[in-house]
Amino acid sequence: MNLHDDPVCGRRCKEVQAGSLTIRPYRPSDLDQILLLFFDTVHIVNSRDYTKDQVDRWAPAERCDRMRWESFLAENNAYVAVIGDVVVGFADCTAGCYLHMLYTHAEYQGCGIGSGLLATLEENARTSGCRCIRTDASITARPFFARRGYECLGEEWVFLSGMAFLRYRMRKKIL
């Protein structure tokens, strides 16, 4: 089934298409919603490609270093996508042209939010003099980045809390 054929998703995508979506710089007051969105997205969306043990290690319910998240988002070029007061996506890119995170709310997948966030980060990186953007994409995210011109440089296994995860080194030339 196409996401746009689903009545709930279709309605949500129409909200986005109707212009109610805003992409703006991250604010510290966004943190609680970002943490919840991250947890839910990993456990709902990424669980299609990863085991329960893997998603529990990736986004554990009991362990969240708020200060680390707060510091990281404040230091990087972080943006949120909001509809009204609700954060429906977030992304960040370091000064070194590394796209660290890009997550879209599980209920808004396929509505263009990730594409909007990515376009914003790419434009900011281009303006800052980056010649290319690099990222390490999950199994789930790889097709998203490939459709937007990112080339896969190879795959690698990384360990998080003692559990192995497959990811893909990807990059896109932007200048």
C-alpha atoms as a PDB file:
ATOM      1  CA  MET A   1       0.000   0.000   0.000  1.00  0.00           C
ATOM      2  CA  ASN A   2       1.255   3.471  -0.861  1.00  0.00           C
ATOM      3  CA  LEU A   3       1.570   5.661   2.241  1.00  0.00           C
ATOM      4  CA  HIS A   4      -0.488   8.363   0.577  1.00  0.00           C
ATOM      5  CA  ASP A   5      -3.365   5.867   0.153  1.00  0.00           C
ATOM      6  CA  ASP A   6      -3.502   5.278   3.906  1.00  0.00           C
ATOM      7  CA  PRO A   7      -6.229   7.608   5.284  1.00  0.00           C
ATOM      8  CA  VAL A   8      -4.239   8.661   8.359  1.00  0.00           C
ATOM      9  CA  CYS A   9      -0.919   9.115   6.573  1.00  0.00           C
ATOM     10  CA  GLY A  10      -2.642  10.751   3.623  1.00  0.00           C
ATOM     11  CA  ARG A  11      -4.213  13.308   5.952  1.00  0.00           C
ATOM     12  CA  ARG A  12      -0.848  13.957   7.614  1.00  0.00           C
ATOM     13  CA  CYS A  13       0.890  14.340   4.258  1.00  0.00           C
ATOM     14  CA  LYS A  14      -1.811  16.816   3.228  1.00  0.00           C
ATOM     15  CA  GLU A  15      -0.984  18.860   6.347  1.00  0.00           C
ATOM     16  CA  VAL A  16       2.609  19.021   5.150  1.00  0.00           C
ATOM     17  CA  GLN A  17       1.625  19.851   1.564  1.00  0.00           C
ATOM     18  CA  ALA A  18      -0.810  22.510   2.780  1.00  0.00           C
ATOM     19  CA  GLY A  19       2.102  24.512   4.101  1.00  0.00           C
ATOM     20  CA  SER A  20       1.677  23.889   7.809  1.00  0.00           C
ATOM     21  CA  LEU A  21       5.244  22.521   8.029  1.00  0.00           C
ATOM     22  CA  THR A  22       8.024  24.827   9.194  1.00  0.00           C
ATOM     23  CA  ILE A  23      11.727  23.985   9.236  1.00  0.00           C
ATOM     24  CA  ARG A  24      13.636  26.091  11.720  1.00  0.00           C
ATOM     25  CA  PRO A  25      16.808  25.966  13.824  1.00  0.00           C
ATOM     26  CA  TYR A  26      16.764  23.731  16.898  1.00  0.00           C
ATOM     27  CA  ARG A  27      15.832  25.323  20.236  1.00  0.00           C
ATOM     28  CA  PRO A  28      16.606  23.793  23.648  1.00  0.00           C
ATOM     29  CA  SER A  29      12.845  23.671  24.309  1.00  0.00           C
ATOM     30  CA  ASP A  30      12.584  21.094  21.464  1.00  0.00           C
ATOM     31  CA  LEU A  31      14.681  18.499  23.293  1.00  0.00           C
ATOM     32  CA  ASP A  32      11.891  16.511  24.987  1.00  0.00           C
ATOM     33  CA  GLN A  33      10.014  16.089  21.716  1.00  0.00           C
ATOM     34  CA  ILE A  34      13.222  15.179  19.860  1.00  0.00           C
ATOM     35  CA  LEU A  35      14.090  12.470  22.375  1.00  0.00           C
ATOM     36  CA  LEU A  36      10.609  10.967  22.125  1.00  0.00           C
ATOM     37  CA  LEU A  37      10.645  11.175  18.315  1.00  0.00           C
ATOM     38  CA  PHE A  38      14.070   9.486  18.206  1.00  0.00           C
ATOM     39  CA  PHE A  39      12.942   6.635  20.472  1.00  0.00           C
ATOM     40  CA  ASP A  40       9.659   6.092  18.622  1.00  0.00           C
ATOM     41  CA  THR A  41      11.201   6.274  15.152  1.00  0.00           C
ATOM     42  CA  VAL A  42      13.926   3.754  15.953  1.00  0.00           C
ATOM     43  CA  HIS A  43      11.453   1.374  17.613  1.00  0.00           C
ATOM     44  CA  ILE A  44       8.742   1.697  14.943  1.00  0.00           C
ATOM     45  CA  VAL A  45      10.472   2.489  11.633  1.00  0.00           C
ATOM     46  CA  ASN A  46      13.938   0.987  12.055  1.00  0.00           C
ATOM     47  CA  SER A  47      12.528  -2.182  13.618  1.00  0.00           C
ATOM     48  CA  ARG A  48      11.680  -3.254  10.053  1.00  0.00           C
ATOM     49  CA  ASP A  49      15.403  -3.725   9.384  1.00  0.00           C
ATOM     50  CA  TYR A  50      16.860  -4.423  12.825  1.00  0.00           C
ATOM     51  CA  THR A  51      16.123  -6.909  15.598  1.00  0.00           C
ATOM     52  CA  LYS A  52      14.381  -5.972  18.841  1.00  0.00           C
ATOM     53  CA  ASP A  53      17.700  -6.305  20.693  1.00  0.00           C
ATOM     54  CA  GLN A  54      19.362  -3.944  18.226  1.00  0.00           C
ATOM     55  CA  VAL A  55      16.702  -1.217  18.444  1.00  0.00           C
ATOM     56  CA  ASP A  56      16.676  -1.540  22.247  1.00  0.00           C
ATOM     57  CA  ARG A  57      20.434  -0.853  22.260  1.00  0.00           C
ATOM     58  CA  TRP A  58      20.147   1.920  19.667  1.00  0.00           C
ATOM     59  CA  ALA A  59      17.382   3.740  21.531  1.00  0.00           C
ATOM     60  CA  PRO A  60      17.122   2.363  25.073  1.00  0.00           C
ATOM     61  CA  ALA A  61      14.137   3.422  27.144  1.00  0.00           C
ATOM     62  CA  GLU A  62      16.042   3.691  30.393  1.00  0.00           C
ATOM     63  CA  ARG A  63      19.200   5.492  29.290  1.00  0.00           C
ATOM     64  CA  CYS A  64      19.175   8.968  27.888  1.00  0.00           C
ATOM     65  CA  ASP A  65      22.013  11.398  28.432  1.00  0.00           C
ATOM     66  CA  ARG A  66      20.000  14.602  28.098  1.00  0.00           C
ATOM     67  CA  MET A  67      23.006  16.848  28.646  1.00  0.00           C
ATOM     68  CA  ARG A  68      24.925  15.088  25.861  1.00  0.00           C
ATOM     69  CA  TRP A  69      21.989  15.427  23.456  1.00  0.00           C
ATOM     70  CA  GLU A  70      21.458  19.067  24.426  1.00  0.00           C
ATOM     71  CA  SER A  71      25.124  19.894  23.956  1.00  0.00           C
ATOM     72  CA  PHE A  72      25.400  18.001  20.674  1.00  0.00           C
ATOM     73  CA  LEU A  73      22.337  19.635  19.112  1.00  0.00           C
ATOM     74  CA  ALA A  74      23.401  23.101  20.283  1.00  0.00           C
ATOM     75  CA  GLU A  75      26.944  22.682  18.900  1.00  0.00           C
ATOM     76  CA  ASN A  76      25.898  21.349  15.509  1.00  0.00           C
ATOM     77  CA  ASN A  77      23.847  22.850  12.739  1.00  0.00           C
ATOM     78  CA  ALA A  78      20.581  21.289  13.973  1.00  0.00           C
ATOM     79  CA  TYR A  79      17.119  21.869  12.540  1.00  0.00           C
ATOM     80  CA  VAL A  80      13.636  20.716  13.418  1.00  0.00           C
ATOM     81  CA  ALA A  81      10.556  20.303  11.268  1.00  0.00           C
ATOM     82  CA  VAL A  82       7.413  21.363  13.109  1.00  0.00           C
ATOM     83  CA  ILE A  83       3.707  21.359  12.427  1.00  0.00           C
ATOM     84  CA  GLY A  84       2.244  23.850  14.856  1.00  0.00           C
ATOM     85  CA  ASP A  85       4.126  23.146  18.078  1.00  0.00           C
ATOM     86  CA  VAL A  86       4.803  19.478  17.300  1.00  0.00           C
ATOM     87  CA  VAL A  87       8.286  18.369  16.232  1.00  0.00           C
ATOM     88  CA  VAL A  88       7.844  15.902  13.342  1.00  0.00           C
ATOM     89  CA  GLY A  89      11.491  15.644  12.295  1.00  0.00           C
ATOM     90  CA  PHE A  90      15.009  16.726  13.154  1.00  0.00           C
ATOM     91  CA  ALA A  91      18.453  16.630  11.598  1.00  0.00           C
ATOM     92  CA  ASP A  92      21.936  17.959  12.193  1.00  0.00           C
ATOM     93  CA  CYS A  93      25.192  18.448  10.325  1.00  0.00           C
ATOM     94  CA  THR A  94      28.560  19.123  11.937  1.00  0.00           C
ATOM     95  CA  ALA A  95      30.916  21.922  10.940  1.00  0.00           C
ATOM     96  CA  GLY A  96      32.993  19.179   9.301  1.00  0.00           C
ATOM     97  CA  CYS A  97      30.189  18.491   6.797  1.00  0.00           C
ATOM     98  CA  TYR A  98      29.075  15.259   8.472  1.00  0.00           C
ATOM     99  CA  LEU A  99      25.342  14.605   8.585  1.00  0.00           C
ATOM    100  CA  HIS A 100      25.006  12.931  11.954  1.00  0.00           C
ATOM    101  CA  MET A 101      21.260  12.420  12.379  1.00  0.00           C
ATOM    102  CA  LEU A 102      18.087  12.742  10.330  1.00  0.00           C
ATOM    103  CA  TYR A 103      14.859  11.361  11.795  1.00  0.00           C
ATOM    104  CA  THR A 104      11.246  11.806  10.740  1.00  0.00           C
ATOM    105  CA  HIS A 105       8.292  10.982  12.974  1.00  0.00           C
ATOM    106  CA  ALA A 106       6.995   7.472  12.245  1.00  0.00           C
ATOM    107  CA  GLU A 107       3.532   8.796  11.365  1.00  0.00           C
ATOM    108  CA  TYR A 108       4.935  11.274   8.819  1.00  0.00           C
ATOM    109  CA  GLN A 109       7.211   8.946   6.843  1.00  0.00           C
ATOM    110  CA  GLY A 110       7.024   9.583   3.095  1.00  0.00           C
ATOM    111  CA  CYS A 111       5.532  13.071   3.428  1.00  0.00           C
ATOM    112  CA  GLY A 112       8.647  15.014   2.368  1.00  0.00           C
ATOM    113  CA  ILE A 113       9.784  16.056   5.841  1.00  0.00           C
ATOM    114  CA  GLY A 114      13.120  14.241   5.643  1.00  0.00           C
ATOM    115  CA  SER A 115      13.700  15.662   2.167  1.00  0.00           C
ATOM    116  CA  GLY A 116      12.996  19.171   3.446  1.00  0.00           C
ATOM    117  CA  LEU A 117      15.374  18.790   6.365  1.00  0.00           C
ATOM    118  CA  LEU A 118      18.057  17.325   4.107  1.00  0.00           C
ATOM    119  CA  ALA A 119      17.702  20.163   1.579  1.00  0.00           C
ATOM    120  CA  THR A 120      18.054  22.695   4.413  1.00  0.00           C
ATOM    121  CA  LEU A 121      21.217  21.034   5.733  1.00  0.00           C
ATOM    122  CA  GLU A 122      22.711  20.701   2.247  1.00  0.00           C
ATOM    123  CA  GLU A 123      22.088  24.371   1.461  1.00  0.00           C
ATOM    124  CA  ASN A 124      23.630  25.467   4.772  1.00  0.00           C
ATOM    125  CA  ALA A 125      26.635  23.198   4.193  1.00  0.00           C
ATOM    126  CA  ARG A 126      27.069  24.583   0.666  1.00  0.00           C
ATOM    127  CA  THR A 127      26.893  28.149   1.987  1.00  0.00           C
ATOM    128  CA  SER A 128      29.505  27.249   4.621  1.00  0.00           C
ATOM    129  CA  GLY A 129      31.895  26.024   1.928  1.00  0.00           C
ATOM    130  CA  CYS A 130      31.408  22.265   2.196  1.00  0.00           C
ATOM    131  CA  ARG A 131      32.177  20.475  -1.055  1.00  0.00           C
ATOM    132  CA  CYS A 132      30.440  17.262  -0.014  1.00  0.00           C
ATOM    133  CA  ILE A 133      28.380  15.882   2.845  1.00  0.00           C
ATOM    134  CA  ARG A 134      29.154  12.532   4.423  1.00  0.00           C
ATOM    135  CA  THR A 135      26.874  10.331   6.478  1.00  0.00           C
ATOM    136  CA  ASP A 136      26.730   6.845   7.912  1.00  0.00           C
ATOM    137  CA  ALA A 137      23.300   5.561   6.939  1.00  0.00           C
ATOM    138  CA  SER A 138      21.349   2.785   8.564  1.00  0.00           C
ATOM    139  CA  ILE A 139      19.898  -0.068   6.531  1.00  0.00           C
ATOM    140  CA  THR A 140      16.574   1.779   6.736  1.00  0.00           C
ATOM    141  CA  ALA A 141      17.946   5.160   5.625  1.00  0.00           C
ATOM    142  CA  ARG A 142      20.211   3.997   2.805  1.00  0.00           C
ATOM    143  CA  PRO A 143      17.495   4.032   0.077  1.00  0.00           C
ATOM    144  CA  PHE A 144      16.365   7.517   1.193  1.00  0.00           C
ATOM    145  CA  PHE A 145      19.872   8.925   0.750  1.00  0.00           C
ATOM    146  CA  ALA A 146      20.510   7.018  -2.491  1.00  0.00           C
ATOM    147  CA  ARG A 147      17.353   8.533  -4.036  1.00  0.00           C
ATOM    148  CA  ARG A 148      18.724  11.969  -3.196  1.00  0.00           C
ATOM    149  CA  GLY A 149      22.072  11.523  -4.910  1.00  0.00           C
ATOM    150  CA  TYR A 150      24.217  10.055  -2.149  1.00  0.00           C
ATOM    151  CA  GLU A 151      26.676   7.412  -3.295  1.00  0.00           C
ATOM    152  CA  CYS A 152      27.519   4.416  -1.154  1.00  0.00           C
ATOM    153  CA  LEU A 153      31.245   4.222  -0.425  1.00  0.00           C
ATOM    154  CA  GLY A 154      30.989   0.906   1.388  1.00  0.00           C
ATOM    155  CA  GLU A 155      29.464  -0.869   4.306  1.00  0.00           C
ATOM    156  CA  GLU A 156      30.843  -1.400   7.768  1.00  0.00           C
ATOM    157  CA  TRP A 157      29.903  -3.067  11.004  1.00  0.00           C
ATOM    158  CA  VAL A 158      29.971  -0.913  14.126  1.00  0.00           C
ATOM    159  CA  PHE A 159      29.301  -1.843  17.731  1.00  0.00           C
ATOM    160  CA  LEU A 160      26.911  -0.043  20.043  1.00  0.00           C
ATOM    161  CA  SER A 161      26.600  -1.294  23.611  1.00  0.00           C
ATOM    162  CA  GLY A 162      28.206  -4.555  22.518  1.00  0.00           C
ATOM    163  CA  MET A 163      25.785  -5.179  19.620  1.00  0.00           C
ATOM    164  CA  ALA A 164      26.837  -5.182  15.941  1.00  0.00           C
ATOM    165  CA  PHE A 165      25.072  -2.863  13.481  1.00  0.00           C
ATOM    166  CA  LEU A 166      25.476  -2.663   9.721  1.00  0.00           C
ATOM    167  CA  ARG A 167      25.714   0.836   8.292  1.00  0.00           C
ATOM    168  CA  TYR A 168      26.686   2.411   4.993  1.00  0.00           C
ATOM    169  CA  ARG A 169      29.260   5.150   4.463  1.00  0.00           C
ATOM    170  CA  MET A 170      27.685   7.575   1.997  1.00  0.00           C
ATOM    171  CA  ARG A 171      28.467  10.971   0.541  1.00  0.00           C
ATOM    172  CA  LYS A 172      27.098  13.551  -1.839  1.00  0.00           C
ATOM    173  CA  LYS A 173      29.035  16.237  -3.678  1.00  0.00           C
ATOM    174  CA  ILE A 174      27.235  19.538  -3.216  1.00  0.00           C
ATOM    175  CA  LEU A 175      29.613  22.009  -4.893  1.00  0.00           C
END
